[in-house]
C-alpha atoms as a PDB file:
ATOM      1  CA  MET A   1      73.221  99.409 101.783  1.00  0.00           C
ATOM      2  CA  SER A   2      76.916  99.228  99.774  1.00  0.00           C
ATOM      3  CA  PHE A   3      78.814  97.240  98.225  1.00  0.00           C
ATOM      4  CA  GLU A   4      81.698  96.910 101.344  1.00  0.00           C
ATOM      5  CA  THR A   5      78.135  96.235 104.047  1.00  0.00           C
ATOM      6  CA  ILE A   6      77.700  93.057 101.355  1.00  0.00           C
ATOM      7  CA  LEU A   7      81.342  92.253 102.060  1.00  0.00           C
ATOM      8  CA  ASP A   8      81.516  92.915 105.796  1.00  0.00           C
ATOM      9  CA  ARG A   9      78.209  90.480 105.770  1.00  0.00           C
ATOM     10  CA  MET A  10      79.786  87.491 103.805  1.00  0.00           C
ATOM     11  CA  ALA A  11      82.518  87.248 106.731  1.00  0.00           C
ATOM     12  CA  ALA A  12      80.686  87.195 109.210  1.00  0.00           C
ATOM     13  CA  ILE A  13      78.807  84.749 108.346  1.00  0.00           C
ATOM     14  CA  HIS A  14      81.384  82.631 106.564  1.00  0.00           C
ATOM     15  CA  LYS A  15      83.249  83.185 110.518  1.00  0.00           C
ATOM     16  CA  ALA A  16      80.254  82.191 112.587  1.00  0.00           C
ATOM     17  CA  LYS A  17      79.470  79.525 109.625  1.00  0.00           C
ATOM     18  CA  ASN A  18      83.355  77.955 110.482  1.00  0.00           C
ATOM     19  CA  THR A  19      82.359  78.486 114.455  1.00  0.00           C
ATOM     20  CA  ASP A  20      79.255  76.176 113.561  1.00  0.00           C
ATOM     21  CA  TYR A  21      80.633  73.391 111.200  1.00  0.00           C
ATOM     22  CA  GLY A  22      84.413  74.134 111.299  1.00  0.00           C
ATOM     23  CA  SER A  23      87.455  75.913 108.981  1.00  0.00           C
ATOM     24  CA  SER A  24      85.901  76.413 105.485  1.00  0.00           C
ATOM     25  CA  THR A  25      89.611  76.665 104.446  1.00  0.00           C
ATOM     26  CA  ASN A  26      90.268  73.302 105.060  1.00  0.00           C
ATOM     27  CA  LEU A  27      90.644  71.655 101.883  1.00  0.00           C
ATOM     28  CA  ALA A  28      92.053  68.238 102.507  1.00  0.00           C
ATOM     29  CA  PRO A  29      88.670  66.454 101.831  1.00  0.00           C
ATOM     30  CA  PRO A  30      88.515  67.304  98.559  1.00  0.00           C
ATOM     31  CA  GLU A  31      90.974  66.340  97.530  1.00  0.00           C
ATOM     32  CA  LEU A  32      92.070  63.136  99.897  1.00  0.00           C
ATOM     33  CA  LEU A  33      89.754  61.385  96.711  1.00  0.00           C
ATOM     34  CA  GLY A  34      92.164  62.919  94.217  1.00  0.00           C
ATOM     35  CA  ILE A  35      89.575  66.068  93.552  1.00  0.00           C
ATOM     36  CA  PRO A  36      92.235  69.516  93.779  1.00  0.00           C
ATOM     37  CA  ALA A  37      90.090  71.271  96.209  1.00  0.00           C
ATOM     38  CA  HIS A  38      89.084  73.862  94.154  1.00  0.00           C
ATOM     39  CA  ILE A  39      86.619  71.614  91.685  1.00  0.00           C
ATOM     40  CA  GLY A  40      85.295  71.152  94.974  1.00  0.00           C
ATOM     41  CA  ILE A  41      84.214  74.328  95.796  1.00  0.00           C
ATOM     42  CA  LEU A  42      83.377  74.169  92.180  1.00  0.00           C
ATOM     43  CA  VAL A  43      80.693  71.565  92.559  1.00  0.00           C
ATOM     44  CA  GLN A  44      79.762  73.177  95.825  1.00  0.00           C
ATOM     45  CA  MET A  45      78.776  76.423  93.826  1.00  0.00           C
ATOM     46  CA  THR A  46      76.761  74.164  91.506  1.00  0.00           C
ATOM     47  CA  GLU A  47      74.426  73.514  93.793  1.00  0.00           C
ATOM     48  CA  LYS A  48      74.494  76.692  95.568  1.00  0.00           C
ATOM     49  CA  LEU A  49      73.403  77.932  92.283  1.00  0.00           C
ATOM     50  CA  THR A  50      70.810  75.385  91.705  1.00  0.00           C
ATOM     51  CA  ARG A  51      69.334  76.687  94.692  1.00  0.00           C
ATOM     52  CA  ALA A  52      69.125  80.355  94.085  1.00  0.00           C
ATOM     53  CA  CYS A  53      67.657  79.902  90.834  1.00  0.00           C
ATOM     54  CA  LYS A  54      65.058  78.243  92.224  1.00  0.00           C
ATOM     55  CA  LEU A  55      64.599  80.900  95.001  1.00  0.00           C
ATOM     56  CA  ALA A  56      64.741  83.514  92.077  1.00  0.00           C
ATOM     57  CA  GLN A  57      61.685  81.990  90.821  1.00  0.00           C
ATOM     58  CA  GLY A  58      59.709  81.919  93.402  1.00  0.00           C
ATOM     59  CA  GLN A  59      60.177  78.286  95.864  1.00  0.00           C
ATOM     60  CA  ALA A  60      59.991  79.161  99.143  1.00  0.00           C
ATOM     61  CA  PRO A  61      63.457  78.223 101.412  1.00  0.00           C
ATOM     62  CA  GLN A  62      62.492  76.042 103.895  1.00  0.00           C
ATOM     63  CA  VAL A  63      65.368  76.178 105.694  1.00  0.00           C
ATOM     64  CA  GLU A  64      65.621  78.855 108.019  1.00  0.00           C
ATOM     65  CA  GLY A  65      68.452  82.182 107.190  1.00  0.00           C
ATOM     66  CA  GLY A  66      67.443  80.210 102.870  1.00  0.00           C
ATOM     67  CA  ALA A  67      67.146  83.556 101.738  1.00  0.00           C
ATOM     68  CA  LEU A  68      67.623  84.352  97.746  1.00  0.00           C
ATOM     69  CA  THR A  69      70.407  86.617  99.070  1.00  0.00           C
ATOM     70  CA  ASP A  70      71.823  84.791 101.516  1.00  0.00           C
ATOM     71  CA  THR A  71      72.398  81.843  99.090  1.00  0.00           C
ATOM     72  CA  LEU A  72      73.924  84.707  96.945  1.00  0.00           C
ATOM     73  CA  ILE A  73      76.297  85.363  99.942  1.00  0.00           C
ATOM     74  CA  ASP A  74      76.539  81.556 100.501  1.00  0.00           C
ATOM     75  CA  LEU A  75      77.882  81.417  96.736  1.00  0.00           C
ATOM     76  CA  ALA A  76      80.423  84.031  96.290  1.00  0.00           C
ATOM     77  CA  SER A  77      82.268  83.309  99.977  1.00  0.00           C
ATOM     78  CA  TYR A  78      82.245  80.513  97.891  1.00  0.00           C
ATOM     79  CA  ALA A  79      83.748  82.226  95.005  1.00  0.00           C
ATOM     80  CA  VAL A  80      86.850  83.270  96.917  1.00  0.00           C
ATOM     81  CA  SER A  81      88.033  79.991  99.009  1.00  0.00           C
ATOM     82  CA  ALA A  82      87.783  78.532  95.257  1.00  0.00           C
ATOM     83  CA  VAL A  83      90.441  81.670  93.907  1.00  0.00           C
ATOM     84  CA  LEU A  84      92.495  80.831  97.680  1.00  0.00           C
ATOM     85  CA  ALA A  85      92.489  77.764  96.459  1.00  0.00           C
ATOM     86  CA  ILE A  86      93.687  78.240  93.413  1.00  0.00           C
ATOM     87  CA  GLU A  87      96.933  80.478  94.528  1.00  0.00           C
ATOM     88  CA  GLY A  88      97.297  78.248  97.523  1.00  0.00           C
ATOM     89  CA  GLY A  89      95.784  80.920 100.632  1.00  0.00           C
ATOM     90  CA  GLY A  90      93.371  78.377 101.932  1.00  0.00           C
END
C-alpha cells in the first residue's frame, strides 16, 4: 500500500459518504450557530480522535466500517475539509 493508494481510498470514501449523507462541503450549519465552519470541523475531529484512541486501546468497533484505519481515514478527510473551510475552497 502506498500514500497515494490511501489518498485514493480516502477520496472514494468521502464521495460515497457524500452520496449517502449529503455534501460534507456544506459549511453553513456551524455558521448558522455563529461558529466558524473550521471550528465545527475541529469539533468533529476531536470526536474522531477520541474514537481512534479507544480503538487503538483495543475497544472493539460496534459499527461496520468502524475499524481504526477507517476512523483515521475519516480524520484525514475532516482535516482536508477544515483546510478548505479556512482557505475558502469549501
